[in-house]
Amino acid sequence: MFNAVGFAARHSRVLFASEEKGAPSFPSSASIPLAELRYMQGFPAPADKQINRSDYLVEYPKVRWAFQHMRELIPSRQIGRGHGPVTALPASADISAKIDALSIEMLDGENISFAEFLDRSYADAMLIIHQGKVVYESYPNMADAQSPHMLWSVTKSFTGLIANMLSLEGLLDLNSQVTEHIPELAESGWAGATVQQVLDMTADVKYSEVYADGTSDVIHYGLSAGITQSSQWTGPTSLYDYLPSVGAARGHGEHFAYRTVHTEVLGWIIRRVSGKELAQQINERIWSKLGAEQDAYILLDAKGTEWAGAGLNASLRDLGRFAEMLRLGGHYNGQQVVPAELITEIQRGGDRDAFARFGRKGMDGYSYHNQWWVSHNPDEVFEAMGVHGQLVHVNSAAELSLVRLGSHPVASNDFTYEMTRRVTSALADLLRG
């Protein structure tokens, strides 16, 4: 029996491990080093070492290879680094041993080291920059420092920056209604919602995003966008076909609920008002101005539409440059990349009461604003996050930028964020002296 969008839901089609009832039974990160997995090696690779779009999210630890080779599985669009010189990331005196030994107390009273945190969070790579200098750089599960890595929802924060830059230039009124720009959504759940409500995810639509539930709407989104594949899927095969099928729920502007489809709508709006693909916007406004070492790229659906909420791939060090740009108020590589007032507005945050009602684990006190997670702590930390452990952490008060790339077996960051929050706080205190 197919539902309204054409998918015969199967409980066996849970794409991700459940985050309920404590730690799932998975091998430790240290026991499955990428170099020893030998995926996609051989001519052809043995059947049990092959990876494709239908199984990379289902059969752990295939994500460990896939997240570093996504354009080999799914169509993509390049985001060029530009033609200028690479901006240096100077290194400080080596304090990696001191950081690895840092002891952090967890919520349950257990103490773990920073090195153990990397293993528990299934880190593929970690970069820490303090006062503009690299103090820690590690690639426990990446082939090399140049490889781009899948960022998942970190993409949302790039999309949010682009929308706000267009707003400052008078090209997009954030108080305008979504349907003014996308009339195709007039009969959808976004009818009556403003662009700002989409940015803050307080537009309310009938859509669930529970990664470990095989019947959740996020699975339908993933099948429509081409994130995954199933022979049973007879529903939409593009984002533009899927989004109008998302219905209405409660009133807009009252409730926060994290939903990737909001960012896909935002990407559609950006293309309409600017006349440019999202990849071109990111290239022209951000990536080409950082002095990046590598091109980035973004994944596409079957009709060539970027996944505005999930598709970006980039290298660790270039993400460090991006984080530093934000830490420095948008000024980097001798130019104002992002207007300073946009950084200040991110730190102002969103509706904290609505966020609290949503019940995000480990994130009490936070809010969500303009596609960024905002801590409201004394350091005014803000973050971009993606499933499976992707993190860009910006702490201007401590002069700290941190990027973690990961391949955690559990998609939701609810499972690990309390640990991550304690670690980043302890790290800031250590670096402050």
Protein backbone atom coordinates (compact mmCIF):
# COMPACT_ATOMS: atom_id res chain seq x y z
CA MET A 1 0.00 0.00 0.00
CA PHE A 2 1.59 3.27 -1.10
CA ASN A 3 1.10 6.48 0.81
CA ALA A 4 0.32 9.87 -0.72
CA VAL A 5 3.78 10.37 -2.17
CA GLY A 6 4.24 6.86 -3.47
CA PHE A 7 6.48 4.97 -1.07
CA ALA A 8 5.61 1.60 0.40
CA ALA A 9 7.10 2.16 3.84
CA ARG A 10 9.10 -0.75 5.22
CA HIS A 11 10.15 -0.84 8.86
CA SER A 12 13.29 -2.64 7.67
CA ARG A 13 14.14 0.46 5.68
CA VAL A 14 15.41 2.40 8.69
CA LEU A 15 18.33 4.27 7.17
CA PHE A 16 20.07 5.12 10.41
CA ALA A 17 20.59 3.53 13.79
CA SER A 18 18.16 4.39 16.56
CA GLU A 19 19.47 6.85 19.11
CA GLU A 20 17.12 5.61 21.82
CA LYS A 21 18.02 3.51 24.88
CA GLY A 22 21.70 4.36 25.07
CA ALA A 23 24.56 3.51 22.78
CA PRO A 24 23.77 1.33 19.78
CA SER A 25 25.85 -1.75 19.14
CA PHE A 26 28.44 -0.61 16.63
CA PRO A 27 32.17 -1.21 16.30
CA SER A 28 34.37 1.44 17.83
CA SER A 29 35.74 4.03 15.48
CA ALA A 30 39.30 2.86 16.11
CA SER A 31 38.40 -0.68 15.07
CA ILE A 32 37.24 0.35 11.57
CA PRO A 33 39.96 2.63 10.15
CA LEU A 34 39.18 3.76 6.63
CA ALA A 35 42.50 2.49 5.29
CA GLU A 36 41.62 -1.09 6.28
CA LEU A 37 38.04 -1.16 5.01
CA ARG A 38 39.21 -1.43 1.38
CA TYR A 39 35.95 -0.26 -0.12
CA MET A 40 35.76 0.20 -3.91
CA GLN A 41 39.24 -1.19 -4.50
CA GLY A 42 39.82 -3.58 -7.41
CA PHE A 43 38.73 -3.84 -11.05
CA PRO A 44 35.96 -4.44 -10.13
CA ALA A 45 35.85 -4.29 -6.36
CA PRO A 46 34.60 -7.47 -4.68
CA ALA A 47 30.82 -7.48 -4.26
CA ASP A 48 31.01 -7.02 -0.48
CA LYS A 49 33.29 -3.98 -0.93
CA GLN A 50 31.12 -2.17 -3.46
CA ILE A 51 29.09 0.91 -2.47
CA ASN A 52 26.13 2.51 -4.23
CA ARG A 53 23.48 5.12 -3.58
CA SER A 54 20.97 2.63 -2.18
CA ASP A 55 23.21 1.09 0.48
CA TYR A 56 25.79 3.65 1.69
CA LEU A 57 23.48 4.95 4.45
CA VAL A 58 22.13 1.53 5.37
CA GLU A 59 25.18 -0.68 5.76
CA TYR A 60 27.60 0.79 8.29
CA PRO A 61 30.51 1.57 8.01
CA LYS A 62 30.11 2.29 4.27
CA VAL A 63 29.54 5.96 5.13
CA ARG A 64 33.17 6.18 6.17
CA TRP A 65 34.17 5.81 2.51
CA ALA A 66 31.08 7.39 0.97
CA PHE A 67 31.30 10.71 2.82
CA GLN A 68 34.66 11.29 1.13
CA HIS A 69 33.50 10.18 -2.34
CA MET A 70 29.95 11.50 -2.70
CA ARG A 71 30.40 12.86 -6.22
CA GLU A 72 31.25 9.32 -7.32
CA LEU A 73 27.78 8.22 -6.20
CA ILE A 74 25.60 11.24 -6.95
CA PRO A 75 25.66 14.07 -9.55
CA SER A 76 27.32 17.26 -8.34
CA ARG A 77 28.09 20.87 -9.29
CA GLN A 78 31.51 22.39 -8.72
CA ILE A 79 32.04 25.43 -6.47
CA GLY A 80 35.34 26.87 -7.65
CA ARG A 81 38.01 28.19 -5.31
CA GLY A 82 38.74 31.14 -7.60
CA HIS A 83 42.03 32.15 -9.15
CA GLY A 84 43.76 33.97 -6.31
CA PRO A 85 46.54 32.68 -4.07
CA VAL A 86 45.83 30.33 -1.17
CA THR A 87 45.40 32.11 2.14
CA ALA A 88 47.90 30.75 4.64
CA LEU A 89 46.78 28.93 7.77
CA PRO A 90 49.85 29.46 9.96
CA ALA A 91 50.64 26.88 12.59
CA SER A 92 51.42 27.65 16.23
CA ALA A 93 53.72 25.69 18.47
CA ASP A 94 52.55 22.07 18.54
CA ILE A 95 50.18 21.56 21.48
CA SER A 96 48.33 18.57 20.06
CA ALA A 97 49.54 16.29 22.87
CA LYS A 98 48.25 18.77 25.46
CA ILE A 99 44.88 18.94 23.72
CA ASP A 100 44.65 15.15 23.32
CA ALA A 101 45.26 14.77 27.07
CA LEU A 102 42.63 17.36 28.06
CA SER A 103 40.23 15.76 30.55
CA ILE A 104 36.54 16.63 30.23
CA GLU A 105 33.83 15.69 32.71
CA MET A 106 30.69 14.31 31.11
CA LEU A 107 27.13 14.74 32.34
CA ASP A 108 27.23 11.38 34.14
CA GLY A 109 30.46 12.29 35.98
CA GLU A 110 32.74 10.23 33.74
CA ASN A 111 35.96 11.90 32.59
CA ILE A 112 37.19 11.38 29.05
CA SER A 113 40.16 12.79 27.16
CA PHE A 114 39.93 14.86 24.00
CA ALA A 115 41.51 11.97 22.11
CA GLU A 116 38.78 9.67 23.41
CA PHE A 117 36.17 12.20 22.37
CA LEU A 118 37.43 11.99 18.79
CA ASP A 119 37.05 8.22 18.88
CA ARG A 120 33.61 8.29 20.51
CA SER A 121 32.35 10.86 18.01
CA TYR A 122 33.72 8.82 15.06
CA ALA A 123 35.73 11.79 13.88
CA ASP A 124 37.20 11.60 10.39
CA ALA A 125 39.12 14.86 10.80
CA MET A 126 39.51 17.70 13.30
CA LEU A 127 40.91 21.21 12.95
CA ILE A 128 41.32 23.72 15.79
CA ILE A 129 42.43 27.31 15.14
CA HIS A 130 43.24 29.65 18.03
CA GLN A 131 44.11 33.30 17.56
CA GLY A 132 44.39 32.69 13.84
CA LYS A 133 46.88 29.81 14.09
CA VAL A 134 46.35 26.08 13.73
CA VAL A 135 46.91 24.42 17.11
CA TYR A 136 45.50 21.00 16.23
CA GLU A 137 45.00 19.17 12.93
CA SER A 138 44.22 15.48 12.72
CA TYR A 139 42.92 13.09 10.04
CA PRO A 140 42.20 9.81 11.84
CA ASN A 141 39.94 8.54 9.06
CA MET A 142 40.60 10.55 5.93
CA ALA A 143 42.77 9.52 3.02
CA ASP A 144 44.43 12.93 2.85
CA ALA A 145 44.02 16.56 3.84
CA GLN A 146 42.79 17.56 0.37
CA SER A 147 39.73 15.30 0.21
CA PRO A 148 36.34 17.01 0.32
CA HIS A 149 33.96 15.59 2.94
CA MET A 150 30.18 15.45 3.00
CA LEU A 151 28.81 18.24 5.23
CA TRP A 152 25.10 17.45 5.28
CA SER A 153 23.23 20.22 7.12
CA VAL A 154 26.25 22.50 7.47
CA THR A 155 25.04 23.38 3.96
CA LYS A 156 22.01 25.09 5.51
CA SER A 157 24.18 27.73 7.14
CA PHE A 158 25.77 28.64 3.80
CA THR A 159 22.30 28.90 2.26
CA GLY A 160 21.17 31.11 5.14
CA LEU A 161 24.12 33.47 4.63
CA ILE A 162 23.32 33.80 0.92
CA ALA A 163 19.65 34.61 1.62
CA ASN A 164 20.61 37.29 4.14
CA MET A 165 23.19 38.83 1.81
CA LEU A 166 20.51 39.09 -0.88
CA SER A 167 18.24 40.73 1.70
CA LEU A 168 20.83 43.39 2.56
CA GLU A 169 21.15 44.16 -1.14
CA GLY A 170 17.41 44.69 -1.48
CA LEU A 171 16.89 41.62 -3.65
CA LEU A 172 14.91 39.64 -1.06
CA ASP A 173 12.43 40.93 1.52
CA LEU A 174 12.62 38.54 4.47
CA ASN A 175 9.11 39.59 5.53
CA SER A 176 7.66 38.69 2.15
CA GLN A 177 5.64 35.52 1.78
CA VAL A 178 7.18 32.41 0.29
CA THR A 179 4.47 32.18 -2.34
CA GLU A 180 5.30 35.63 -3.70
CA HIS A 181 8.51 34.09 -4.99
CA ILE A 182 7.38 30.47 -5.50
CA PRO A 183 3.73 30.44 -6.64
CA GLU A 184 4.10 26.68 -7.19
CA LEU A 185 3.82 26.36 -3.38
CA ALA A 186 0.47 28.19 -3.12
CA GLU A 187 -1.37 24.96 -2.22
CA SER A 188 1.40 23.64 0.04
CA GLY A 189 2.15 24.02 3.74
CA TRP A 190 4.25 27.12 3.01
CA ALA A 191 1.21 29.18 2.03
CA GLY A 192 1.10 32.14 4.42
CA ALA A 193 4.67 31.65 5.68
CA THR A 194 7.30 34.39 5.42
CA VAL A 195 10.86 33.95 4.22
CA GLN A 196 12.11 34.80 7.73
CA GLN A 197 9.97 32.03 9.20
CA VAL A 198 11.54 29.63 6.74
CA LEU A 199 15.00 30.88 7.73
CA ASP A 200 14.23 30.31 11.41
CA MET A 201 12.27 27.07 10.83
CA THR A 202 9.21 28.48 12.53
CA ALA A 203 7.12 28.04 9.40
CA ASP A 204 5.08 24.96 10.22
CA VAL A 205 4.43 22.22 7.68
CA LYS A 206 3.21 18.64 7.89
CA TYR A 207 6.56 16.93 7.71
CA SER A 208 8.54 14.75 10.12
CA GLU A 209 12.33 14.52 10.24
CA VAL A 210 13.17 11.44 12.28
CA TYR A 211 16.19 9.84 10.67
CA ALA A 212 15.84 6.44 12.34
CA ASP A 213 12.16 6.04 11.37
CA GLY A 214 11.78 4.35 8.00
CA THR A 215 8.28 5.82 7.61
CA SER A 216 9.35 9.43 8.31
CA ASP A 217 8.84 12.15 5.71
CA VAL A 218 12.59 12.76 5.65
CA ILE A 219 12.90 9.40 3.86
CA HIS A 220 10.46 10.61 1.19
CA TYR A 221 12.49 13.81 0.85
CA GLY A 222 15.68 11.76 0.52
CA LEU A 223 14.22 9.52 -2.17
CA SER A 224 12.87 12.51 -4.11
CA ALA A 225 16.18 14.38 -3.91
CA GLY A 226 18.21 11.30 -4.80
CA ILE A 227 20.01 11.08 -1.47
CA THR A 228 19.08 7.40 -1.46
CA GLN A 229 17.29 5.00 -3.83
CA SER A 230 14.63 2.31 -3.56
CA SER A 231 13.00 0.17 -6.22
CA GLN A 232 9.72 0.59 -4.33
CA TRP A 233 9.68 4.37 -4.70
CA THR A 234 7.16 5.64 -7.25
CA GLY A 235 6.88 9.18 -5.90
CA PRO A 236 8.56 12.42 -7.01
CA THR A 237 12.08 12.25 -8.37
CA SER A 238 13.07 15.89 -7.92
CA LEU A 239 12.87 18.54 -5.22
CA TYR A 240 10.64 20.81 -7.32
CA ASP A 241 8.15 17.94 -7.69
CA TYR A 242 8.30 16.90 -4.04
CA LEU A 243 8.07 20.22 -2.17
CA PRO A 244 4.54 21.16 -3.37
CA SER A 245 3.27 17.88 -1.88
CA VAL A 246 4.20 18.93 1.69
CA GLY A 247 1.01 19.98 3.47
CA ALA A 248 0.05 22.45 6.19
CA ALA A 249 0.22 21.87 9.93
CA ARG A 250 -0.10 24.41 12.78
CA GLY A 251 0.10 28.17 12.46
CA HIS A 252 3.31 29.75 11.19
CA GLY A 253 5.65 31.66 13.50
CA GLU A 254 4.75 29.95 16.77
CA HIS A 255 6.65 26.67 16.77
CA PHE A 256 10.24 25.71 15.97
CA ALA A 257 10.76 22.36 14.25
CA TYR A 258 13.94 21.38 12.45
CA ARG A 259 13.07 20.43 8.87
CA THR A 260 15.44 20.24 5.93
CA VAL A 261 12.64 20.94 3.45
CA HIS A 262 12.54 24.55 4.71
CA THR A 263 16.07 25.07 3.43
CA GLU A 264 15.19 23.48 0.10
CA VAL A 265 12.42 26.07 -0.22
CA LEU A 266 14.93 28.76 0.71
CA GLY A 267 17.27 27.53 -2.03
CA TRP A 268 14.40 27.73 -4.52
CA ILE A 269 13.71 31.32 -3.44
CA ILE A 270 17.39 32.26 -3.80
CA ARG A 271 17.48 30.94 -7.37
CA ARG A 272 14.27 32.76 -8.29
CA VAL A 273 15.20 36.19 -6.91
CA SER A 274 18.84 36.13 -8.05
CA GLY A 275 18.59 34.24 -11.32
CA LYS A 276 21.60 32.16 -10.31
CA GLU A 277 22.18 28.62 -9.08
CA LEU A 278 23.02 28.28 -5.40
CA ALA A 279 26.45 26.88 -6.29
CA GLN A 280 27.24 30.05 -8.23
CA GLN A 281 26.10 32.21 -5.32
CA ILE A 282 28.32 30.33 -2.86
CA ASN A 283 31.23 30.52 -5.28
CA GLU A 284 30.94 34.23 -6.01
CA ARG A 285 30.03 35.46 -2.54
CA ILE A 286 32.00 33.17 -0.22
CA TRP A 287 34.22 30.39 -1.55
CA SER A 288 36.22 32.33 -4.12
CA LYS A 289 37.04 35.00 -1.51
CA LEU A 290 38.51 32.75 1.18
CA GLY A 291 41.78 31.85 -0.54
CA ALA A 292 40.65 28.23 -0.37
CA GLU A 293 43.02 25.39 -1.22
CA GLN A 294 40.37 23.24 -2.92
CA ASP A 295 37.18 23.58 -4.91
CA ALA A 296 34.03 22.58 -3.06
CA TYR A 297 31.01 20.92 -4.66
CA ILE A 298 27.30 20.46 -4.01
CA LEU A 299 25.11 17.45 -4.81
CA LEU A 300 22.15 17.53 -7.21
CA ASP A 301 18.79 15.88 -7.71
CA ALA A 302 17.79 14.22 -10.99
CA LYS A 303 16.87 17.58 -12.54
CA GLY A 304 20.10 19.32 -11.60
CA THR A 305 18.80 21.15 -8.53
CA GLU A 306 21.24 21.50 -5.62
CA TRP A 307 20.39 20.07 -2.22
CA ALA A 308 20.30 23.47 -0.51
CA GLY A 309 19.85 21.85 2.88
CA ALA A 310 22.32 19.00 2.70
CA GLY A 311 24.56 18.74 -0.37
CA LEU A 312 27.79 20.67 0.26
CA ASN A 313 31.18 18.93 0.30
CA ALA A 314 34.46 20.66 1.22
CA SER A 315 37.89 20.03 2.73
CA LEU A 316 38.73 20.44 6.40
CA ARG A 317 41.24 23.28 6.06
CA ASP A 318 38.98 25.30 3.79
CA LEU A 319 36.18 24.97 6.31
CA GLY A 320 38.65 26.28 8.85
CA ARG A 321 39.09 29.38 6.68
CA PHE A 322 35.31 29.74 6.49
CA ALA A 323 35.02 29.49 10.30
CA GLU A 324 37.82 32.04 10.77
CA MET A 325 36.06 34.44 8.43
CA LEU A 326 32.96 34.25 10.61
CA ARG A 327 34.98 34.57 13.84
CA LEU A 328 36.53 37.76 12.49
CA GLY A 329 33.17 39.38 11.82
CA GLY A 330 33.05 38.39 8.15
CA HIS A 331 36.40 40.00 7.27
CA TYR A 332 38.99 37.64 5.83
CA ASN A 333 41.74 37.51 3.22
CA GLY A 334 41.85 41.30 3.04
CA GLN A 335 38.17 41.83 2.30
CA GLN A 336 34.72 41.87 3.86
CA VAL A 337 33.34 38.52 2.71
CA VAL A 338 30.11 38.54 4.75
CA PRO A 339 28.71 41.83 6.09
CA ALA A 340 29.51 42.19 9.79
CA GLU A 341 25.89 42.99 10.64
CA LEU A 342 24.87 39.53 9.44
CA ILE A 343 27.23 37.88 11.94
CA THR A 344 25.85 40.09 14.72
CA GLU A 345 22.31 39.15 13.69
CA ILE A 346 23.12 35.43 13.81
CA GLN A 347 24.45 35.82 17.36
CA ARG A 348 21.25 37.62 18.37
CA GLY A 349 19.50 34.32 17.89
CA GLY A 350 15.90 33.28 17.47
CA ASP A 351 12.93 32.31 19.64
CA ARG A 352 14.46 30.51 22.63
CA ASP A 353 11.10 29.51 24.10
CA ALA A 354 9.98 27.89 20.85
CA PHE A 355 13.34 26.11 20.60
CA ALA A 356 13.04 24.83 24.18
CA ARG A 357 9.59 23.40 23.44
CA PHE A 358 11.07 21.45 20.55
CA GLY A 359 13.26 19.59 23.07
CA ARG A 360 16.58 19.28 21.25
CA LYS A 361 18.81 17.04 23.39
CA GLY A 362 21.89 18.67 24.92
CA MET A 363 21.02 22.11 23.54
CA ASP A 364 19.14 23.76 26.40
CA GLY A 365 19.53 27.52 26.21
CA TYR A 366 20.04 27.48 22.44
CA SER A 367 17.94 28.94 19.64
CA TYR A 368 17.93 28.66 15.84
CA HIS A 369 18.22 31.73 13.65
CA ASN A 370 18.96 32.29 9.96
CA GLN A 371 19.93 28.62 9.58
CA TRP A 372 22.48 28.70 12.42
CA TRP A 373 22.49 27.12 15.90
CA VAL A 374 22.98 29.87 18.48
CA SER A 375 24.19 29.06 22.01
CA HIS A 376 23.40 32.32 23.86
CA ASN A 377 26.27 31.40 26.19
CA PRO A 378 28.66 34.08 27.55
CA ASP A 379 31.02 33.49 24.59
CA GLU A 380 28.17 33.93 22.08
CA VAL A 381 29.11 30.70 20.31
CA PHE A 382 27.24 29.84 17.12
CA GLU A 383 27.49 26.72 15.02
CA ALA A 384 26.68 24.96 11.78
CA MET A 385 25.95 21.26 12.20
CA GLY A 386 25.26 18.25 10.02
CA VAL A 387 24.22 14.68 10.72
CA HIS A 388 26.80 12.02 11.53
CA GLY A 389 28.99 14.53 13.37
CA GLN A 390 29.70 17.47 11.03
CA LEU A 391 30.43 20.66 13.00
CA VAL A 392 31.65 24.22 12.40
CA HIS A 393 32.04 25.90 15.80
CA VAL A 394 32.72 29.65 16.09
CA ASN A 395 33.75 31.21 19.42
CA SER A 396 34.94 34.78 18.89
CA ALA A 397 35.34 35.49 22.62
CA ALA A 398 37.85 32.65 23.01
CA GLU A 399 39.39 33.40 19.57
CA LEU A 400 38.56 29.82 18.66
CA SER A 401 37.40 28.19 15.42
CA LEU A 402 36.83 24.44 15.27
CA VAL A 403 35.79 22.06 12.50
CA ARG A 404 35.00 18.40 12.96
CA LEU A 405 34.13 16.01 10.11
CA GLY A 406 32.64 12.69 11.09
CA SER A 407 31.06 9.38 10.14
CA HIS A 408 29.13 8.52 13.29
CA PRO A 409 26.82 5.51 12.84
CA VAL A 410 23.88 7.44 14.35
CA ALA A 411 22.68 10.26 12.12
CA SER A 412 21.12 12.54 14.73
CA ASN A 413 23.46 14.82 16.66
CA ASP A 414 21.07 14.49 19.59
CA PHE A 415 23.04 11.37 20.40
CA THR A 416 26.41 13.10 20.85
CA TYR A 417 25.83 16.83 21.24
CA GLU A 418 25.91 16.95 25.06
CA MET A 419 29.41 15.43 24.90
CA THR A 420 30.45 17.78 22.10
CA ARG A 421 29.21 20.83 23.99
CA ARG A 422 31.22 19.95 27.10
CA VAL A 423 34.34 19.28 25.04
CA THR A 424 34.23 22.58 23.12
CA SER A 425 33.66 24.48 26.36
CA ALA A 426 36.62 22.79 28.07
CA LEU A 427 38.77 23.40 25.00
CA ALA A 428 37.93 27.12 25.04
CA ASP A 429 38.92 27.31 28.70
CA LEU A 430 42.22 25.52 28.00
CA LEU A 431 43.16 27.81 25.13
CA ARG A 432 42.26 30.92 27.09
CA GLY A 433 44.84 29.85 29.63
